[in-house]
């Protein structure tokens, strides 16, 4: 595993944890509903990051194929 993969995993874990904690703090409790809402929001955020990375990958490979 490369350092970049380790960094990406740590970043994803940190962002997910922060989103869930923020959701719980805004709800004023650490109940299961606030945790589920935070987890759902974190999943959507990670999917958005994945789509951006996928688009960047295809854009970079398209440029290389044109050369």
Protein backbone atom coordinates (compact mmCIF):
# COMPACT_ATOMS: atom_id res chain seq x y z
CA UNK A 1 0.00 0.00 0.00
CA UNK A 2 1.41 3.36 -0.95
CA UNK A 3 1.59 6.42 1.25
CA UNK A 4 -1.06 8.14 -0.88
CA UNK A 5 -3.50 5.28 -0.30
CA UNK A 6 -2.85 5.43 3.44
CA UNK A 7 -3.37 9.18 3.44
CA UNK A 8 -6.62 8.86 1.47
CA UNK A 9 -7.92 6.24 3.90
CA UNK A 10 -7.04 8.41 6.90
CA UNK A 11 -8.65 11.44 5.27
CA UNK A 12 -11.84 9.53 4.52
CA UNK A 13 -12.03 8.21 8.06
CA UNK A 14 -11.45 11.66 9.54
CA UNK A 15 -14.06 13.34 7.35
CA UNK A 16 -16.62 10.64 8.05
CA UNK A 17 -16.03 10.86 11.80
CA UNK A 18 -16.27 14.65 11.74
CA UNK A 19 -19.55 14.61 9.79
CA UNK A 20 -21.14 12.08 12.14
CA UNK A 21 -19.95 14.00 15.22
CA UNK A 22 -21.26 17.28 13.78
CA UNK A 23 -24.63 15.69 13.10
CA UNK A 24 -24.80 14.39 16.65
CA UNK A 25 -23.80 17.77 18.08
CA UNK A 26 -26.44 19.60 16.06
CA UNK A 27 -29.10 17.17 17.21
CA UNK A 28 -28.07 17.73 20.82
CA UNK A 29 -27.73 14.04 21.53
CA UNK A 30 -25.78 10.96 20.62
CA UNK A 31 -28.85 8.95 19.79
CA UNK A 32 -29.20 6.51 16.96
CA UNK A 33 -31.23 8.90 14.78
CA UNK A 34 -28.53 11.58 14.81
CA UNK A 35 -25.87 8.95 14.11
CA UNK A 36 -27.87 7.54 11.19
CA UNK A 37 -28.38 11.01 9.71
CA UNK A 38 -24.68 11.81 10.04
CA UNK A 39 -23.71 8.50 8.50
CA UNK A 40 -26.06 9.07 5.57
CA UNK A 41 -24.61 12.55 5.03
CA UNK A 42 -21.04 11.21 5.25
CA UNK A 43 -21.87 8.52 2.68
CA UNK A 44 -23.23 11.13 0.27
CA UNK A 45 -20.14 13.28 0.78
CA UNK A 46 -17.81 10.34 0.13
CA UNK A 47 -19.78 9.42 -3.01
CA UNK A 48 -19.39 13.00 -4.21
CA UNK A 49 -15.63 12.82 -3.59
CA UNK A 50 -15.48 9.52 -5.47
CA UNK A 51 -17.34 10.96 -8.47
CA UNK A 52 -15.01 13.97 -8.57
CA UNK A 53 -11.98 11.65 -8.45
CA UNK A 54 -13.45 9.45 -11.17
CA UNK A 55 -14.09 12.46 -13.40
CA UNK A 56 -10.55 13.72 -12.77
CA UNK A 57 -9.17 10.29 -13.65
CA UNK A 58 -11.04 10.13 -16.94
CA UNK A 59 -10.08 13.71 -17.78
CA UNK A 60 -6.40 12.97 -17.17
CA UNK A 61 -6.40 9.74 -19.19
CA UNK A 62 -8.26 11.43 -22.05
CA UNK A 63 -5.54 14.07 -22.27
CA UNK A 64 -2.83 11.40 -22.39
CA UNK A 65 -4.60 9.47 -25.15
CA UNK A 66 -4.88 12.61 -27.29
CA UNK A 67 -1.07 13.02 -27.33
